[in-house]
Amino acid sequence: MPRLLVDVAPLRASRDFRYLFAGQLVSLLGSNLTIVAVPYQVYRETHSSLWVGMASLIQLPFLIVGALWGGALSDRADKRVLMMIGSSVLAIASAGLALNAHVAHSDLWTLLILAAFAAGFAGFTGPVRGAAIPKLVAPEQLVAAYSLNQIIINGAAVVGPSLAGILLASFGLFWCYLSDALTFVALIGATAFMSPMKPSGEHASVALVRAIGDGFTYVRSHAVAQAVYLVDLNAMVFGLPRALFPAVALTIYHAGPRTLGLLYAAPGAGALAMAIMTGWIARVRRQGRLIALSVVAWGAFMALFGLVHVLWIGLACLAVAGAMDVISAVLRSTMLQRAISDEYRGRISSIQLAVVTGGPRLGDAESGIVASLTSTEFSIISGGLACIVGVVALLGWRPDFWRRDAL
């Protein structure tokens, strides 16, 4: 079993990694409450999957701009201070969402603006945390550290949506958003106990906008980074129909908020189970090959989810797809961080975050538009099949990615 289970050496070796781990665990639990609450509130007020997709798409430019500025600043400022600033603003945004939900007639545009504002600062803090991990652990512990990171991400993605379903059904939107605000306070406290993380190079003489541009220039000349980003975008844009979950729960399964919570939690449940058993991934040599096969499996199970209208089968498909995503995510992060230069780490992490979190929002818009023109089921099935076709096309463009060797 020790060879199968995740390696916890980074938690034993690094005090600061333990604080980051604990703070993110609590905060991500709260964030997953809001991830369910916002689309539920939008669908409840508009009865439209297209609006749910558009609400997510509106957040995308804010998230990308926030990620780019956060990544550039993390290469020249104390990452600990930046994380505390971002978390403080996110606490305020979640409190604003709670107040909007608490009034007698909540305003849709206030909801959309606050959600976009929160996405911007989530984008700002994400690359800072991502760039911090290689600074907190030894290079040989990177796979273990990213596997542990996947455990808290997906553990929160299981518990958070499930709890959101209960809170929405029993107490309402206000308590979902307020709970999220309180978890950011816990993250601020954990970050305060970490040691300062000063930048490793001299960047003050380079203008911030130019520094961001330099990051994109670096990516354009880096084949590994391009392939890693494109394989993830393909999976998230075509193969993640989360904007359709409210419609699936209410119109296909004829259920309520608790079932909606289960749909959002199911991919995280499979991902969590796989993340716990990632001890073997550090020994994988053909990393590109396993990434590609994992994304193909993701698309296949998403297509099956849209094809079968039985709740437990649908949840199982989402769980298996989530497990495949963890394998891909751990290997993509490890491959990328090993291949890039340290002076670009923050900016590359910001681009990675824009891809990882922006892809699902583009997918929300894609699935919402297709569903509005055809049907919910067709949108899900066609997206899963398009994901598989996208992997084949990527390997045709970058055949060296298929042969990528960890050594």
Protein backbone atom coordinates (compact mmCIF):
# COMPACT_ATOMS: atom_id res chain seq x y z
CA MET A 1 0.00 0.00 0.00
CA PRO A 2 2.76 2.58 0.67
CA ARG A 3 3.67 2.40 -3.04
CA LEU A 4 0.03 3.05 -3.99
CA LEU A 5 -0.98 5.74 -1.49
CA VAL A 6 -0.01 9.39 -1.82
CA ASP A 7 3.34 10.40 -0.32
CA VAL A 8 2.86 12.74 2.67
CA ALA A 9 6.56 13.63 2.92
CA PRO A 10 5.98 17.31 1.95
CA LEU A 11 3.67 17.73 4.97
CA ARG A 12 6.31 16.27 7.28
CA ALA A 13 9.20 18.20 5.77
CA SER A 14 7.75 21.71 5.34
CA ARG A 15 6.02 23.73 8.06
CA ASP A 16 4.92 26.37 5.58
CA PHE A 17 3.47 23.76 3.23
CA ARG A 18 1.38 22.46 6.16
CA TYR A 19 -0.04 25.94 6.76
CA LEU A 20 -0.77 26.37 3.05
CA PHE A 21 -2.38 22.93 2.96
CA ALA A 22 -4.62 23.58 5.99
CA GLY A 23 -5.63 27.09 4.95
CA GLN A 24 -6.53 26.07 1.42
CA LEU A 25 -8.53 23.07 2.66
CA VAL A 26 -10.83 25.27 4.74
CA SER A 27 -11.09 28.01 2.12
CA LEU A 28 -11.82 25.63 -0.75
CA LEU A 29 -14.67 24.10 1.24
CA GLY A 30 -16.28 27.54 1.34
CA SER A 31 -15.51 28.33 -2.29
CA ASN A 32 -17.30 25.18 -3.39
CA LEU A 33 -20.42 26.36 -1.60
CA THR A 34 -20.41 29.46 -3.82
CA ILE A 35 -19.60 27.40 -6.94
CA VAL A 36 -22.95 25.67 -6.46
CA ALA A 37 -24.89 28.65 -5.09
CA VAL A 38 -24.21 31.09 -7.95
CA PRO A 39 -25.43 28.90 -10.86
CA TYR A 40 -28.34 27.68 -8.73
CA GLN A 41 -29.38 31.27 -8.01
CA VAL A 42 -29.01 32.26 -11.67
CA TYR A 43 -31.03 29.26 -12.88
CA ARG A 44 -33.70 29.81 -10.24
CA GLU A 45 -34.18 33.41 -11.36
CA THR A 46 -33.90 32.89 -15.15
CA HIS A 47 -34.81 29.19 -15.73
CA SER A 48 -32.16 29.20 -18.47
CA SER A 49 -29.00 27.09 -18.89
CA LEU A 50 -27.83 29.70 -21.38
CA TRP A 51 -27.89 32.34 -18.64
CA VAL A 52 -25.97 30.00 -16.33
CA GLY A 53 -23.31 29.62 -19.01
CA MET A 54 -23.22 33.35 -19.72
CA ALA A 55 -22.90 34.14 -16.00
CA SER A 56 -19.79 31.97 -15.91
CA LEU A 57 -18.45 33.46 -19.14
CA ILE A 58 -18.80 37.00 -17.76
CA GLN A 59 -16.35 36.03 -15.01
CA LEU A 60 -13.70 34.88 -17.50
CA PRO A 61 -12.03 38.21 -18.45
CA PHE A 62 -11.88 39.24 -14.78
CA LEU A 63 -10.29 35.91 -13.87
CA ILE A 64 -7.71 36.10 -16.68
CA VAL A 65 -6.70 39.70 -15.90
CA GLY A 66 -6.47 38.89 -12.18
CA ALA A 67 -4.38 35.79 -12.87
CA LEU A 68 -1.95 37.64 -15.14
CA TRP A 69 -1.39 40.46 -12.65
CA GLY A 70 -1.11 38.05 -9.74
CA GLY A 71 1.43 35.91 -11.57
CA ALA A 72 3.55 38.90 -12.59
CA LEU A 73 3.46 40.37 -9.07
CA SER A 74 4.34 37.03 -7.47
CA ASP A 75 7.63 37.04 -9.39
CA ARG A 76 8.60 40.38 -7.81
CA ALA A 77 6.79 40.62 -4.44
CA ASP A 78 6.35 38.61 -1.24
CA LYS A 79 3.93 35.80 -2.11
CA ARG A 80 2.71 35.58 1.48
CA VAL A 81 1.58 39.23 1.49
CA LEU A 82 -0.13 38.85 -1.89
CA MET A 83 -2.06 35.78 -0.70
CA MET A 84 -3.30 37.66 2.39
CA ILE A 85 -4.44 40.66 0.33
CA GLY A 86 -6.29 38.51 -2.18
CA SER A 87 -7.98 36.42 0.51
CA SER A 88 -9.16 39.56 2.33
CA VAL A 89 -10.83 40.93 -0.80
CA LEU A 90 -12.45 37.56 -1.52
CA ALA A 91 -13.93 37.51 1.99
CA ILE A 92 -15.52 40.90 1.30
CA ALA A 93 -16.90 39.75 -2.07
CA SER A 94 -18.51 36.66 -0.54
CA ALA A 95 -20.05 38.80 2.19
CA GLY A 96 -21.50 41.01 -0.56
CA LEU A 97 -23.04 37.98 -2.27
CA ALA A 98 -24.61 37.01 1.07
CA LEU A 99 -26.15 40.46 1.53
CA ASN A 100 -27.52 40.45 -2.03
CA ALA A 101 -29.11 37.04 -1.45
CA HIS A 102 -30.56 38.19 1.89
CA VAL A 103 -32.65 41.07 0.52
CA ALA A 104 -36.26 40.42 -0.38
CA HIS A 105 -35.67 40.73 -4.14
CA SER A 106 -32.06 39.90 -4.98
CA ASP A 107 -30.67 41.60 -8.06
CA LEU A 108 -29.33 39.40 -10.86
CA TRP A 109 -26.84 41.98 -12.13
CA THR A 110 -25.49 42.59 -8.62
CA LEU A 111 -24.97 38.84 -8.37
CA LEU A 112 -23.14 38.73 -11.71
CA ILE A 113 -20.93 41.73 -10.88
CA LEU A 114 -19.94 40.41 -7.45
CA ALA A 115 -19.26 36.93 -8.86
CA ALA A 116 -17.06 38.47 -11.58
CA PHE A 117 -15.21 40.58 -9.00
CA ALA A 118 -14.60 37.49 -6.87
CA ALA A 119 -13.37 35.57 -9.94
CA GLY A 120 -10.84 38.32 -10.61
CA PHE A 121 -9.29 38.07 -7.16
CA ALA A 122 -9.49 34.27 -7.16
CA GLY A 123 -7.47 34.53 -10.36
CA PHE A 124 -5.07 36.91 -8.63
CA THR A 125 -4.30 34.61 -5.67
CA GLY A 126 -4.29 31.30 -7.58
CA PRO A 127 -0.94 31.66 -9.40
CA VAL A 128 0.64 33.06 -6.25
CA ARG A 129 -0.23 29.85 -4.38
CA GLY A 130 0.77 27.72 -7.38
CA ALA A 131 4.17 29.41 -7.65
CA ALA A 132 4.68 29.06 -3.90
CA ILE A 133 4.53 25.24 -3.84
CA PRO A 134 7.90 24.64 -5.61
CA LYS A 135 9.46 27.11 -3.16
CA LEU A 136 8.16 25.17 -0.13
CA VAL A 137 9.17 21.61 -1.04
CA ALA A 138 12.20 19.84 -2.54
CA PRO A 139 12.15 19.15 -6.31
CA GLU A 140 11.86 15.40 -5.77
CA GLN A 141 8.70 16.02 -3.68
CA LEU A 142 6.83 17.98 -6.38
CA VAL A 143 4.66 15.04 -7.53
CA ALA A 144 3.73 14.32 -3.91
CA ALA A 145 3.03 18.01 -3.19
CA TYR A 146 0.75 18.39 -6.23
CA SER A 147 -0.96 15.10 -5.36
CA LEU A 148 -1.64 16.42 -1.85
CA ASN A 149 -2.89 19.63 -3.43
CA GLN A 150 -5.28 17.57 -5.54
CA ILE A 151 -6.53 15.83 -2.39
CA ILE A 152 -7.61 19.09 -0.78
CA ILE A 153 -9.01 20.48 -4.05
CA ASN A 154 -11.10 17.40 -4.67
CA GLY A 155 -11.90 16.72 -1.03
CA ALA A 156 -13.39 20.19 -0.89
CA ALA A 157 -15.12 19.54 -4.22
CA VAL A 158 -16.90 16.57 -2.61
CA VAL A 159 -17.82 17.99 0.79
CA GLY A 160 -18.47 21.57 -0.38
CA PRO A 161 -21.16 20.90 -3.03
CA SER A 162 -22.81 18.24 -0.85
CA LEU A 163 -22.97 20.71 2.03
CA ALA A 164 -24.20 23.40 -0.39
CA GLY A 165 -27.13 21.19 -1.37
CA ILE A 166 -28.07 20.78 2.28
CA LEU A 167 -27.65 24.48 3.08
CA LEU A 168 -29.64 25.56 0.02
CA ALA A 169 -32.49 23.18 0.82
CA SER A 170 -32.55 23.90 4.57
CA PHE A 171 -31.31 27.47 5.11
CA GLY A 172 -30.99 29.24 1.76
CA LEU A 173 -28.42 31.12 -0.30
CA PHE A 174 -27.43 33.60 2.41
CA TRP A 175 -25.76 30.96 4.59
CA CYS A 176 -23.86 29.45 1.64
CA TYR A 177 -22.25 32.78 0.79
CA LEU A 178 -21.64 33.82 4.40
CA SER A 179 -19.94 30.50 5.18
CA ASP A 180 -17.62 31.08 2.22
CA ALA A 181 -16.69 34.51 3.59
CA LEU A 182 -15.80 33.03 6.98
CA THR A 183 -13.53 30.37 5.44
CA PHE A 184 -11.44 33.09 3.80
CA VAL A 185 -10.82 34.50 7.28
CA ALA A 186 -9.37 31.10 8.24
CA LEU A 187 -7.13 31.16 5.16
CA ILE A 188 -5.83 34.63 6.09
CA GLY A 189 -4.94 33.33 9.56
CA ALA A 190 -3.07 30.29 8.20
CA THR A 191 -1.15 32.43 5.70
CA ALA A 192 -0.13 34.86 8.44
CA PHE A 193 1.83 32.06 10.15
CA MET A 194 3.86 31.25 7.02
CA SER A 195 7.36 32.60 6.46
CA PRO A 196 7.88 35.47 3.98
CA MET A 197 8.44 34.31 0.39
CA LYS A 198 10.55 36.92 -1.34
CA PRO A 199 11.08 36.72 -5.13
CA SER A 200 14.21 34.86 -6.21
CA GLY A 201 15.25 37.25 -9.01
CA GLU A 202 15.47 40.96 -9.74
CA HIS A 203 12.39 42.16 -11.62
CA ALA A 204 11.80 45.67 -10.32
CA SER A 205 13.44 47.26 -13.35
CA VAL A 206 11.00 45.57 -15.75
CA ALA A 207 7.58 47.19 -16.17
CA LEU A 208 4.74 44.99 -14.95
CA VAL A 209 2.93 44.93 -18.30
CA ARG A 210 6.18 44.03 -20.06
CA ALA A 211 6.77 41.27 -17.50
CA ILE A 212 3.36 39.81 -18.34
CA GLY A 213 4.21 39.99 -22.05
CA ASP A 214 7.52 38.24 -21.40
CA GLY A 215 5.57 35.37 -19.83
CA PHE A 216 3.50 34.89 -23.00
CA THR A 217 6.63 35.14 -25.13
CA TYR A 218 8.19 32.40 -23.03
CA VAL A 219 5.13 30.16 -23.52
CA ARG A 220 5.13 30.70 -27.29
CA SER A 221 8.64 29.28 -27.45
CA HIS A 222 7.95 26.44 -24.99
CA ALA A 223 6.47 23.32 -26.62
CA VAL A 224 5.77 21.54 -23.32
CA ALA A 225 3.81 24.49 -21.90
CA GLN A 226 1.74 24.82 -25.09
CA ALA A 227 0.82 21.13 -25.13
CA VAL A 228 -0.03 21.09 -21.41
CA TYR A 229 -2.33 24.09 -21.76
CA LEU A 230 -4.08 22.88 -24.91
CA VAL A 231 -4.81 19.38 -23.62
CA ASP A 232 -6.45 20.89 -20.53
CA LEU A 233 -8.43 23.49 -22.51
CA ASN A 234 -9.74 20.76 -24.78
CA ALA A 235 -11.02 18.71 -21.84
CA MET A 236 -12.60 21.61 -19.98
CA VAL A 237 -14.19 23.48 -22.91
CA PHE A 238 -15.84 20.44 -24.51
CA GLY A 239 -16.04 17.84 -21.75
CA LEU A 240 -17.25 19.67 -18.62
CA PRO A 241 -21.03 20.33 -18.77
CA ARG A 242 -21.35 21.78 -15.25
CA ALA A 243 -23.53 24.69 -16.48
CA LEU A 244 -26.12 22.05 -17.35
CA PHE A 245 -26.16 20.47 -13.88
CA PRO A 246 -29.10 22.62 -12.65
CA ALA A 247 -31.12 21.62 -15.73
CA VAL A 248 -30.09 17.96 -15.37
CA ALA A 249 -31.11 17.89 -11.70
CA LEU A 250 -34.42 19.72 -12.13
CA THR A 251 -35.64 18.53 -15.56
CA ILE A 252 -34.00 15.15 -16.26
CA TYR A 253 -33.81 13.67 -12.76
CA HIS A 254 -36.81 15.73 -11.52
CA ALA A 255 -35.03 16.43 -8.24
CA GLY A 256 -33.96 19.45 -6.18
CA PRO A 257 -30.93 21.15 -4.59
CA ARG A 258 -29.67 18.01 -2.84
CA THR A 259 -29.34 16.14 -6.14
CA LEU A 260 -27.73 19.23 -7.67
CA GLY A 261 -25.16 19.15 -4.87
CA LEU A 262 -24.45 15.48 -5.63
CA LEU A 263 -23.87 16.24 -9.31
CA TYR A 264 -21.33 18.92 -8.46
CA ALA A 265 -19.73 16.65 -5.82
CA ALA A 266 -19.47 13.47 -7.91
CA PRO A 267 -16.40 14.43 -10.02
CA GLY A 268 -14.64 15.53 -6.86
CA ALA A 269 -15.46 12.22 -5.15
CA GLY A 270 -13.77 10.23 -7.90
CA ALA A 271 -10.92 12.70 -8.02
CA LEU A 272 -10.39 12.49 -4.27
CA ALA A 273 -10.27 8.69 -4.35
CA MET A 274 -7.69 8.79 -7.13
CA ALA A 275 -5.68 11.58 -5.48
CA ILE A 276 -5.28 9.47 -2.35
CA MET A 277 -3.85 6.66 -4.50
CA THR A 278 -1.34 8.67 -6.53
CA GLY A 279 1.81 7.13 -5.04
CA TRP A 280 2.37 5.23 -8.30
CA ILE A 281 2.28 8.33 -10.53
CA ALA A 282 5.79 9.45 -9.52
CA ARG A 283 7.14 6.32 -11.25
CA VAL A 284 5.35 6.91 -14.57
CA ARG A 285 7.84 7.57 -17.35
CA ARG A 286 5.56 8.13 -20.36
CA GLN A 287 3.76 11.07 -18.77
CA GLY A 288 2.39 12.59 -21.99
CA ARG A 289 0.89 9.26 -23.02
CA LEU A 290 -0.92 8.82 -19.70
CA ILE A 291 -2.22 12.41 -19.81
CA ALA A 292 -3.69 11.86 -23.28
CA LEU A 293 -5.33 8.55 -22.34
CA SER A 294 -6.78 10.09 -19.17
CA VAL A 295 -8.39 12.91 -21.15
CA VAL A 296 -9.84 10.43 -23.66
CA ALA A 297 -11.39 8.50 -20.77
CA TRP A 298 -12.71 11.79 -19.30
CA GLY A 299 -14.54 12.58 -22.55
CA ALA A 300 -15.94 9.05 -22.90
CA PHE A 301 -17.45 8.99 -19.42
CA MET A 302 -18.89 12.49 -19.83
CA ALA A 303 -20.61 11.34 -23.03
CA LEU A 304 -21.99 8.31 -21.17
CA PHE A 305 -23.26 10.64 -18.41
CA GLY A 306 -25.40 12.46 -20.99
CA LEU A 307 -26.59 9.24 -22.60
CA VAL A 308 -27.91 7.40 -19.52
CA HIS A 309 -30.75 8.97 -17.50
CA VAL A 310 -30.25 6.98 -14.30
CA LEU A 311 -29.01 9.03 -11.36
CA TRP A 312 -26.60 6.53 -9.82
CA ILE A 313 -25.07 5.70 -13.21
CA GLY A 314 -24.70 9.40 -13.97
CA LEU A 315 -22.98 10.01 -10.64
CA ALA A 316 -20.66 7.04 -11.26
CA CYS A 317 -19.71 8.40 -14.70
CA LEU A 318 -18.91 11.80 -13.23
CA ALA A 319 -16.85 10.17 -10.46
CA VAL A 320 -14.74 8.10 -12.89
CA ALA A 321 -14.22 11.18 -15.07
CA GLY A 322 -13.02 13.09 -11.99
CA ALA A 323 -10.53 10.31 -11.21
CA MET A 324 -9.12 10.55 -14.73
CA ASP A 325 -8.81 14.32 -14.36
CA VAL A 326 -6.61 13.98 -11.25
CA ILE A 327 -4.11 11.79 -13.10
CA SER A 328 -3.94 14.38 -15.87
CA ALA A 329 -3.74 17.34 -13.46
CA VAL A 330 -0.91 15.92 -11.33
CA LEU A 331 1.19 14.98 -14.35
CA ARG A 332 0.50 18.26 -16.18
CA SER A 333 1.52 20.36 -13.16
CA THR A 334 4.64 18.30 -12.52
CA MET A 335 5.69 18.27 -16.18
CA LEU A 336 5.21 22.02 -16.46
CA GLN A 337 6.97 23.02 -13.23
CA ARG A 338 9.98 20.83 -14.03
CA ALA A 339 10.30 22.27 -17.52
CA ILE A 340 10.11 26.03 -16.83
CA SER A 341 12.68 28.47 -15.44
CA ASP A 342 12.23 29.69 -11.85
CA GLU A 343 12.22 33.37 -12.86
CA TYR A 344 9.05 32.76 -14.93
CA ARG A 345 7.34 30.48 -12.42
CA GLY A 346 4.76 33.00 -11.16
CA ARG A 347 3.82 34.20 -14.64
CA ILE A 348 3.59 30.67 -16.03
CA SER A 349 1.45 29.69 -13.03
CA SER A 350 -0.84 32.62 -13.82
CA ILE A 351 -1.27 31.47 -17.41
CA GLN A 352 -1.85 27.93 -16.17
CA LEU A 353 -4.51 29.17 -13.75
CA ALA A 354 -6.19 31.16 -16.52
CA VAL A 355 -6.32 27.95 -18.55
CA VAL A 356 -7.42 25.68 -15.69
CA THR A 357 -10.16 27.98 -14.42
CA GLY A 358 -10.95 29.78 -17.67
CA GLY A 359 -11.48 26.56 -19.63
CA PRO A 360 -14.47 25.47 -17.51
CA ARG A 361 -16.05 28.90 -17.94
CA LEU A 362 -15.70 28.67 -21.71
CA GLY A 363 -17.14 25.18 -21.37
CA ASP A 364 -20.10 26.59 -19.43
CA ALA A 365 -20.82 28.97 -22.31
CA GLU A 366 -20.29 26.26 -24.95
CA SER A 367 -22.57 23.73 -23.25
CA GLY A 368 -25.20 26.36 -22.45
CA ILE A 369 -25.32 27.61 -26.05
CA VAL A 370 -25.47 24.09 -27.54
CA ALA A 371 -28.18 23.08 -25.04
CA SER A 372 -30.27 26.15 -25.91
CA LEU A 373 -30.05 25.28 -29.62
CA THR A 374 -30.54 21.51 -29.26
CA SER A 375 -31.10 19.76 -25.92
CA THR A 376 -29.36 19.23 -22.60
CA GLU A 377 -28.55 15.61 -23.46
CA PHE A 378 -27.14 16.40 -26.92
CA SER A 379 -24.92 19.12 -25.49
CA ILE A 380 -23.38 16.73 -22.95
CA ILE A 381 -22.86 13.82 -25.36
CA SER A 382 -21.46 15.91 -28.22
CA GLY A 383 -19.09 17.70 -25.83
CA GLY A 384 -17.63 14.42 -24.56
CA LEU A 385 -17.08 13.14 -28.10
CA ALA A 386 -15.55 16.46 -29.19
CA CYS A 387 -13.10 16.17 -26.27
CA ILE A 388 -11.87 12.81 -27.61
CA VAL A 389 -11.48 14.21 -31.13
CA GLY A 390 -9.55 17.16 -29.68
CA VAL A 391 -7.00 14.87 -28.01
CA VAL A 392 -6.39 13.03 -31.29
CA ALA A 393 -5.92 16.35 -33.10
CA LEU A 394 -3.47 17.59 -30.44
CA LEU A 395 -1.36 14.44 -30.72
CA GLY A 396 -1.29 14.88 -34.47
CA TRP A 397 0.03 18.44 -34.00
CA ARG A 398 2.43 17.58 -31.15
CA PRO A 399 3.37 13.89 -31.54
CA ASP A 400 6.36 14.46 -29.24
CA PHE A 401 3.90 15.01 -26.38
CA TRP A 402 2.76 11.37 -26.72
CA ARG A 403 6.40 10.25 -26.42
CA ARG A 404 7.26 12.60 -23.54
CA ASP A 405 9.52 10.77 -21.05
CA ALA A 406 9.85 11.85 -17.40
CA LEU A 407 13.58 11.15 -17.57
